[in-house]
Every structure is written in structure tokens, then in C-alpha cells.
Amino acid sequence: HDFGPDRLLHNRSTPGKFEFALVENSRTPLEPKS
């Protein structure tokens, strides 16, 4: 994504039904968010 957070979508779909869940990495205190 331009101008905002990229997205990694975990696929949890079944035939005929599409389902994606947002997944993110956890941030350490000394690590930049980006």
C-alpha cells in the first residue's frame, strides 16, 4: 500500500466463502514501527 501500512492477509477461506485475517508482527521497544 502507498501512503499506509501494507497488509499480509492469512487465508482462511473455504470453497465459495472467502475469509482473510490481518496478521502483523509484534514490535520490540527499540524497533521502528515501520
All heavy atoms as atom14 arrays in JSON, in Angstrom:
{
  "sequence": "HDFGPDRLLHNRSTPGKFEFALVENSRTPLEPKS",
  "atom14_mask": [
    [1, 1, 1, 1, 1, 1, 1, 1, 1, 1, 0, 0, 0, 0],
    [1, 1, 1, 1, 1, 1, 1, 1, 0, 0, 0, 0, 0, 0],
    [1, 1, 1, 1, 1, 1, 1, 1, 1, 1, 1, 0, 0, 0],
    [1, 1, 1, 1, 0, 0, 0, 0, 0, 0, 0, 0, 0, 0],
    [1, 1, 1, 1, 1, 1, 1, 0, 0, 0, 0, 0, 0, 0],
    [1, 1, 1, 1, 1, 1, 1, 1, 0, 0, 0, 0, 0, 0],
    [1, 1, 1, 1, 1, 1, 1, 1, 1, 1, 1, 0, 0, 0],
    [1, 1, 1, 1, 1, 1, 1, 1, 0, 0, 0, 0, 0, 0],
    [1, 1, 1, 1, 1, 1, 1, 1, 0, 0, 0, 0, 0, 0],
    [1, 1, 1, 1, 1, 1, 1, 1, 1, 1, 0, 0, 0, 0],
    [1, 1, 1, 1, 1, 1, 1, 1, 0, 0, 0, 0, 0, 0],
    [1, 1, 1, 1, 1, 1, 1, 1, 1, 1, 1, 0, 0, 0],
    [1, 1, 1, 1, 1, 1, 0, 0, 0, 0, 0, 0, 0, 0],
    [1, 1, 1, 1, 1, 1, 1, 0, 0, 0, 0, 0, 0, 0],
    [1, 1, 1, 1, 1, 1, 1, 0, 0, 0, 0, 0, 0, 0],
    [1, 1, 1, 1, 0, 0, 0, 0, 0, 0, 0, 0, 0, 0],
    [1, 1, 1, 1, 1, 1, 1, 1, 1, 0, 0, 0, 0, 0],
    [1, 1, 1, 1, 1, 1, 1, 1, 1, 1, 1, 0, 0, 0],
    [1, 1, 1, 1, 1, 1, 1, 1, 1, 0, 0, 0, 0, 0],
    [1, 1, 1, 1, 1, 1, 1, 1, 1, 1, 1, 0, 0, 0],
    [1, 1, 1, 1, 1, 0, 0, 0, 0, 0, 0, 0, 0, 0],
    [1, 1, 1, 1, 1, 1, 1, 1, 0, 0, 0, 0, 0, 0],
    [1, 1, 1, 1, 1, 1, 1, 0, 0, 0, 0, 0, 0, 0],
    [1, 1, 1, 1, 1, 1, 1, 1, 1, 0, 0, 0, 0, 0],
    [1, 1, 1, 1, 1, 1, 1, 1, 0, 0, 0, 0, 0, 0],
    [1, 1, 1, 1, 1, 1, 0, 0, 0, 0, 0, 0, 0, 0],
    [1, 1, 1, 1, 1, 1, 1, 1, 1, 1, 1, 0, 0, 0],
    [1, 1, 1, 1, 1, 1, 1, 0, 0, 0, 0, 0, 0, 0],
    [1, 1, 1, 1, 1, 1, 1, 0, 0, 0, 0, 0, 0, 0],
    [1, 1, 1, 1, 1, 1, 1, 1, 0, 0, 0, 0, 0, 0],
    [1, 1, 1, 1, 1, 1, 1, 1, 1, 0, 0, 0, 0, 0],
    [1, 1, 1, 1, 1, 1, 1, 0, 0, 0, 0, 0, 0, 0],
    [1, 1, 1, 1, 1, 1, 1, 1, 1, 0, 0, 0, 0, 0],
    [1, 1, 1, 1, 1, 1, 0, 0, 0, 0, 0, 0, 0, 0]
  ],
  "atom14_positions": [
    [[0.81, -1.21, 0.0], [0.0, 0.0, 0.0], [0.85, 1.26, 0.0], [1.77, 1.41, 0.8], [-0.89, 0.03, 1.24], [-2.07, -0.87, 1.15], [-2.75, -1.34, 2.26], [-2.7, -1.42, 0.08], [-3.74, -2.11, 1.88], [-3.74, -2.18, 0.57], [0.0, 0.0, 0.0], [0.0, 0.0, 0.0], [0.0, 0.0, 0.0], [0.0, 0.0, 0.0]],
    [[0.51, 2.17, -0.89], [1.05, 3.52, -0.86], [0.37, 4.27, 0.3], [-0.79, 4.01, 0.62], [0.72, 4.21, -2.18], [1.68, 5.31, -2.55], [2.57, 5.61, -1.74], [1.53, 5.88, -3.65], [0.0, 0.0, 0.0], [0.0, 0.0, 0.0], [0.0, 0.0, 0.0], [0.0, 0.0, 0.0], [0.0, 0.0, 0.0], [0.0, 0.0, 0.0]],
    [[1.1, 5.16, 0.96], [0.54, 6.06, 1.97], [-0.04, 5.35, 3.19], [-0.91, 5.9, 3.87], [-0.56, 6.95, 1.36], [-0.16, 7.64, 0.1], [-0.85, 7.43, -1.08], [0.92, 8.5, 0.09], [-0.49, 8.07, -2.25], [1.29, 9.16, -1.08], [0.59, 8.94, -2.25], [0.0, 0.0, 0.0], [0.0, 0.0, 0.0], [0.0, 0.0, 0.0]],
    [[0.4, 4.15, 3.48], [-0.15, 3.48, 4.65], [0.39, 2.08, 4.8], [1.18, 1.61, 3.98], [0.0, 0.0, 0.0], [0.0, 0.0, 0.0], [0.0, 0.0, 0.0], [0.0, 0.0, 0.0], [0.0, 0.0, 0.0], [0.0, 0.0, 0.0], [0.0, 0.0, 0.0], [0.0, 0.0, 0.0], [0.0, 0.0, 0.0], [0.0, 0.0, 0.0]],
    [[-0.03, 1.38, 5.85], [0.54, 0.06, 6.14], [0.21, -0.97, 5.08], [-0.93, -1.08, 4.63], [-0.1, -0.31, 7.49], [-1.36, 0.5, 7.55], [-1.06, 1.77, 6.84], [0.0, 0.0, 0.0], [0.0, 0.0, 0.0], [0.0, 0.0, 0.0], [0.0, 0.0, 0.0], [0.0, 0.0, 0.0], [0.0, 0.0, 0.0], [0.0, 0.0, 0.0]],
    [[1.24, -1.72, 4.67], [0.99, -2.89, 3.85], [0.18, -3.88, 4.66], [0.13, -3.83, 5.89], [2.31, -3.55, 3.43], [3.13, -2.68, 2.49], [2.62, -1.63, 2.05], [4.29, -3.04, 2.21], [0.0, 0.0, 0.0], [0.0, 0.0, 0.0], [0.0, 0.0, 0.0], [0.0, 0.0, 0.0], [0.0, 0.0, 0.0], [0.0, 0.0, 0.0]],
    [[-0.43, -4.86, 3.96], [-1.25, -5.84, 4.64], [-0.88, -7.26, 4.2], [-0.83, -7.53, 3.0], [-2.74, -5.6, 4.37], [-3.28, -4.26, 4.88], [-3.1, -4.11, 6.37], [-3.8, -2.94, 6.89], [-3.71, -2.53, 8.15], [-2.93, -3.17, 9.01], [-4.38, -1.48, 8.56], [0.0, 0.0, 0.0], [0.0, 0.0, 0.0], [0.0, 0.0, 0.0]],
    [[-0.61, -8.11, 5.17], [-0.46, -9.54, 4.92], [-1.73, -10.21, 5.42], [-2.08, -10.1, 6.6], [0.76, -10.11, 5.63], [0.96, -11.63, 5.47], [1.11, -12.03, 4.0], [2.17, -12.1, 6.28], [0.0, 0.0, 0.0], [0.0, 0.0, 0.0], [0.0, 0.0, 0.0], [0.0, 0.0, 0.0], [0.0, 0.0, 0.0], [0.0, 0.0, 0.0]],
    [[-2.44, -10.88, 4.51], [-3.73, -11.48, 4.82], [-3.59, -13.0, 4.87], [-3.22, -13.63, 3.87], [-4.77, -11.09, 3.77], [-4.99, -9.58, 3.6], [-6.0, -9.33, 2.48], [-5.46, -8.95, 4.88], [0.0, 0.0, 0.0], [0.0, 0.0, 0.0], [0.0, 0.0, 0.0], [0.0, 0.0, 0.0], [0.0, 0.0, 0.0], [0.0, 0.0, 0.0]],
    [[-3.87, -13.57, 6.03], [-3.86, -15.02, 6.19], [-5.15, -15.59, 5.62], [-6.25, -15.16, 5.98], [-3.72, -15.4, 7.66], [-3.66, -16.87, 7.9], [-4.31, -17.51, 8.93], [-3.01, -17.85, 7.21], [-4.07, -18.8, 8.89], [-3.28, -19.03, 7.85], [0.0, 0.0, 0.0], [0.0, 0.0, 0.0], [0.0, 0.0, 0.0], [0.0, 0.0, 0.0]],
    [[-5.03, -16.57, 4.75], [-6.18, -17.13, 4.04], [-6.86, -18.2, 4.89], [-6.26, -19.22, 5.22], [-5.73, -17.72, 2.7], [-6.9, -18.02, 1.78], [-8.05, -18.07, 2.2], [-6.59, -18.22, 0.51], [0.0, 0.0, 0.0], [0.0, 0.0, 0.0], [0.0, 0.0, 0.0], [0.0, 0.0, 0.0], [0.0, 0.0, 0.0], [0.0, 0.0, 0.0]],
    [[-8.12, -17.96, 5.22], [-8.92, -18.92, 6.0], [-10.2, -19.27, 5.25], [-11.24, -19.56, 5.85], [-9.22, -18.33, 7.39], [-7.95, -18.0, 8.17], [-8.22, -17.31, 9.49], [-6.94, -16.96, 10.14], [-6.85, -16.3, 11.3], [-7.94, -15.91, 11.93], [-5.66, -16.03, 11.82], [0.0, 0.0, 0.0], [0.0, 0.0, 0.0], [0.0, 0.0, 0.0]],
    [[-10.13, -19.27, 3.94], [-11.3, -19.47, 3.09], [-11.69, -20.94, 2.98], [-10.88, -21.84, 3.21], [-11.03, -18.91, 1.69], [-10.66, -17.55, 1.73], [0.0, 0.0, 0.0], [0.0, 0.0, 0.0], [0.0, 0.0, 0.0], [0.0, 0.0, 0.0], [0.0, 0.0, 0.0], [0.0, 0.0, 0.0], [0.0, 0.0, 0.0], [0.0, 0.0, 0.0]],
    [[-12.93, -21.15, 2.59], [-13.44, -22.46, 2.21], [-14.16, -22.3, 0.88], [-14.5, -21.16, 0.49], [-14.41, -23.01, 3.27], [-15.45, -22.05, 3.5], [-13.67, -23.3, 4.58], [0.0, 0.0, 0.0], [0.0, 0.0, 0.0], [0.0, 0.0, 0.0], [0.0, 0.0, 0.0], [0.0, 0.0, 0.0], [0.0, 0.0, 0.0], [0.0, 0.0, 0.0]],
    [[-14.39, -23.38, 0.13], [-14.99, -23.24, -1.2], [-16.25, -22.38, -1.2], [-17.2, -22.63, -0.45], [-15.28, -24.69, -1.59], [-14.2, -25.47, -0.92], [-14.02, -24.78, 0.41], [0.0, 0.0, 0.0], [0.0, 0.0, 0.0], [0.0, 0.0, 0.0], [0.0, 0.0, 0.0], [0.0, 0.0, 0.0], [0.0, 0.0, 0.0], [0.0, 0.0, 0.0]],
    [[-16.21, -21.32, -1.99], [-17.34, -20.41, -2.11], [-17.42, -19.35, -1.04], [-18.25, -18.44, -1.13], [0.0, 0.0, 0.0], [0.0, 0.0, 0.0], [0.0, 0.0, 0.0], [0.0, 0.0, 0.0], [0.0, 0.0, 0.0], [0.0, 0.0, 0.0], [0.0, 0.0, 0.0], [0.0, 0.0, 0.0], [0.0, 0.0, 0.0], [0.0, 0.0, 0.0]],
    [[-16.57, -19.44, -0.02], [-16.58, -18.45, 1.06], [-15.17, -17.94, 1.27], [-14.27, -18.7, 1.64], [-17.12, -19.06, 2.35], [-17.16, -18.06, 3.51], [-17.66, -18.7, 4.8], [-17.68, -17.71, 5.94], [-18.12, -18.33, 7.22], [0.0, 0.0, 0.0], [0.0, 0.0, 0.0], [0.0, 0.0, 0.0], [0.0, 0.0, 0.0], [0.0, 0.0, 0.0]],
    [[-14.97, -16.65, 1.07], [-13.64, -16.06, 1.17], [-13.47, -15.38, 2.52], [-14.3, -14.56, 2.92], [-13.42, -15.06, 0.03], [-13.46, -15.68, -1.32], [-14.65, -15.81, -2.02], [-12.31, -16.18, -1.9], [-14.7, -16.41, -3.26], [-12.34, -16.79, -3.15], [-13.53, -16.9, -3.83], [0.0, 0.0, 0.0], [0.0, 0.0, 0.0], [0.0, 0.0, 0.0]],
    [[-12.41, -15.74, 3.21], [-12.14, -15.17, 4.52], [-10.64, -14.95, 4.67], [-9.85, -15.88, 4.52], [-12.64, -16.09, 5.63], [-12.41, -15.52, 7.03], [-12.88, -16.45, 8.13], [-13.47, -17.51, 7.81], [-12.63, -16.13, 9.31], [0.0, 0.0, 0.0], [0.0, 0.0, 0.0], [0.0, 0.0, 0.0], [0.0, 0.0, 0.0], [0.0, 0.0, 0.0]],
    [[-10.27, -13.71, 4.96], [-8.87, -13.35, 5.16], [-8.74, -12.62, 6.5], [-9.59, -11.81, 6.85], [-8.35, -12.45, 4.04], [-8.33, -13.1, 2.68], [-9.43, -13.01, 1.84], [-7.21, -13.8, 2.26], [-9.41, -13.6, 0.59], [-7.18, -14.39, 1.01], [-8.28, -14.3, 0.18], [0.0, 0.0, 0.0], [0.0, 0.0, 0.0], [0.0, 0.0, 0.0]],
    [[-7.66, -12.9, 7.22], [-7.42, -12.26, 8.5], [-6.13, -11.46, 8.44], [-5.11, -11.93, 7.92], [-7.34, -13.3, 9.62], [0.0, 0.0, 0.0], [0.0, 0.0, 0.0], [0.0, 0.0, 0.0], [0.0, 0.0, 0.0], [0.0, 0.0, 0.0], [0.0, 0.0, 0.0], [0.0, 0.0, 0.0], [0.0, 0.0, 0.0], [0.0, 0.0, 0.0]],
    [[-6.17, -10.24, 8.98], [-4.97, -9.41, 9.05], [-3.99, -10.01, 10.06], [-4.38, -10.37, 11.18], [-5.32, -7.99, 9.49], [-6.15, -7.13, 8.54], [-6.56, -5.84, 9.22], [-5.38, -6.83, 7.27], [0.0, 0.0, 0.0], [0.0, 0.0, 0.0], [0.0, 0.0, 0.0], [0.0, 0.0, 0.0], [0.0, 0.0, 0.0], [0.0, 0.0, 0.0]],
    [[-2.72, -10.13, 9.66], [-1.69, -10.58, 10.59], [-0.59, -9.52, 10.63], [-0.29, -8.87, 9.63], [-1.11, -11.96, 10.18], [-2.18, -13.03, 10.27], [-0.52, -11.92, 8.78], [0.0, 0.0, 0.0], [0.0, 0.0, 0.0], [0.0, 0.0, 0.0], [0.0, 0.0, 0.0], [0.0, 0.0, 0.0], [0.0, 0.0, 0.0], [0.0, 0.0, 0.0]],
    [[0.0, -9.35, 11.81], [1.04, -8.34, 12.0], [2.17, -8.91, 12.82], [1.99, -9.88, 13.56], [0.46, -7.11, 12.7], [-0.63, -6.39, 11.94], [-1.18, -5.19, 12.69], [-0.84, -5.05, 13.89], [-1.93, -4.4, 12.11], [0.0, 0.0, 0.0], [0.0, 0.0, 0.0], [0.0, 0.0, 0.0], [0.0, 0.0, 0.0], [0.0, 0.0, 0.0]],
    [[3.32, -8.28, 12.71], [4.45, -8.64, 13.55], [4.4, -7.83, 14.84], [3.9, -6.71, 14.86], [5.77, -8.39, 12.83], [6.94, -9.09, 13.49], [6.76, -9.91, 14.39], [8.14, -8.78, 13.04], [0.0, 0.0, 0.0], [0.0, 0.0, 0.0], [0.0, 0.0, 0.0], [0.0, 0.0, 0.0], [0.0, 0.0, 0.0], [0.0, 0.0, 0.0]],
    [[4.92, -8.39, 15.92], [4.96, -7.67, 17.19], [6.22, -6.82, 17.24], [7.29, -7.23, 16.8], [4.94, -8.65, 18.36], [5.98, -9.6, 18.25], [0.0, 0.0, 0.0], [0.0, 0.0, 0.0], [0.0, 0.0, 0.0], [0.0, 0.0, 0.0], [0.0, 0.0, 0.0], [0.0, 0.0, 0.0], [0.0, 0.0, 0.0], [0.0, 0.0, 0.0]],
    [[6.09, -5.63, 17.81], [7.16, -4.64, 17.82], [7.93, -4.68, 19.14], [7.32, -4.76, 20.21], [6.56, -3.25, 17.6], [7.55, -2.12, 17.62], [6.8, -0.81, 17.54], [7.69, 0.34, 17.61], [7.27, 1.58, 17.79], [5.97, 1.83, 17.89], [8.13, 2.58, 17.86], [0.0, 0.0, 0.0], [0.0, 0.0, 0.0], [0.0, 0.0, 0.0]],
    [[9.24, -4.65, 19.05], [10.07, -4.55, 20.25], [10.27, -3.08, 20.61], [10.13, -2.21, 19.74], [11.44, -5.23, 20.04], [12.13, -4.57, 18.98], [11.26, -6.7, 19.68], [0.0, 0.0, 0.0], [0.0, 0.0, 0.0], [0.0, 0.0, 0.0], [0.0, 0.0, 0.0], [0.0, 0.0, 0.0], [0.0, 0.0, 0.0], [0.0, 0.0, 0.0]],
    [[10.63, -2.76, 21.87], [10.72, -1.35, 22.29], [11.7, -0.51, 21.49], [11.48, 0.69, 21.32], [11.16, -1.47, 23.76], [10.69, -2.81, 24.2], [10.8, -3.7, 23.0], [0.0, 0.0, 0.0], [0.0, 0.0, 0.0], [0.0, 0.0, 0.0], [0.0, 0.0, 0.0], [0.0, 0.0, 0.0], [0.0, 0.0, 0.0], [0.0, 0.0, 0.0]],
    [[12.79, -1.11, 21.01], [13.81, -0.34, 20.3], [13.7, -0.47, 18.78], [14.6, -0.07, 18.05], [15.2, -0.79, 20.75], [15.51, -0.6, 22.24], [16.91, -1.12, 22.57], [15.37, 0.86, 22.66], [0.0, 0.0, 0.0], [0.0, 0.0, 0.0], [0.0, 0.0, 0.0], [0.0, 0.0, 0.0], [0.0, 0.0, 0.0], [0.0, 0.0, 0.0]],
    [[12.58, -0.99, 18.3], [12.42, -1.25, 16.87], [11.44, -0.25, 16.26], [10.36, -0.03, 16.81], [11.89, -2.67, 16.68], [11.83, -3.14, 15.25], [11.4, -4.59, 15.17], [10.48, -4.98, 15.92], [12.0, -5.34, 14.4], [0.0, 0.0, 0.0], [0.0, 0.0, 0.0], [0.0, 0.0, 0.0], [0.0, 0.0, 0.0], [0.0, 0.0, 0.0]],
    [[11.8, 0.39, 15.15], [10.87, 1.31, 14.49], [9.59, 0.58, 14.1], [9.63, -0.57, 13.64], [11.64, 1.79, 13.26], [13.08, 1.55, 13.58], [13.11, 0.33, 14.46], [0.0, 0.0, 0.0], [0.0, 0.0, 0.0], [0.0, 0.0, 0.0], [0.0, 0.0, 0.0], [0.0, 0.0, 0.0], [0.0, 0.0, 0.0], [0.0, 0.0, 0.0]],
    [[8.47, 1.24, 14.25], [7.18, 0.62, 13.94], [7.12, 0.14, 12.5], [6.59, -0.94, 12.21], [6.06, 1.63, 14.21], [4.66, 1.09, 13.96], [3.61, 2.13, 14.28], [2.2, 1.6, 14.02], [1.16, 2.62, 14.33], [0.0, 0.0, 0.0], [0.0, 0.0, 0.0], [0.0, 0.0, 0.0], [0.0, 0.0, 0.0], [0.0, 0.0, 0.0]],
    [[7.67, 0.94, 11.58], [7.55, 0.61, 10.17], [8.37, -0.6, 9.75], [8.24, -1.07, 8.62], [7.95, 1.81, 9.31], [6.94, 2.79, 9.32], [0.0, 0.0, 0.0], [0.0, 0.0, 0.0], [0.0, 0.0, 0.0], [0.0, 0.0, 0.0], [0.0, 0.0, 0.0], [0.0, 0.0, 0.0], [0.0, 0.0, 0.0], [0.0, 0.0, 0.0]]
  ]
}
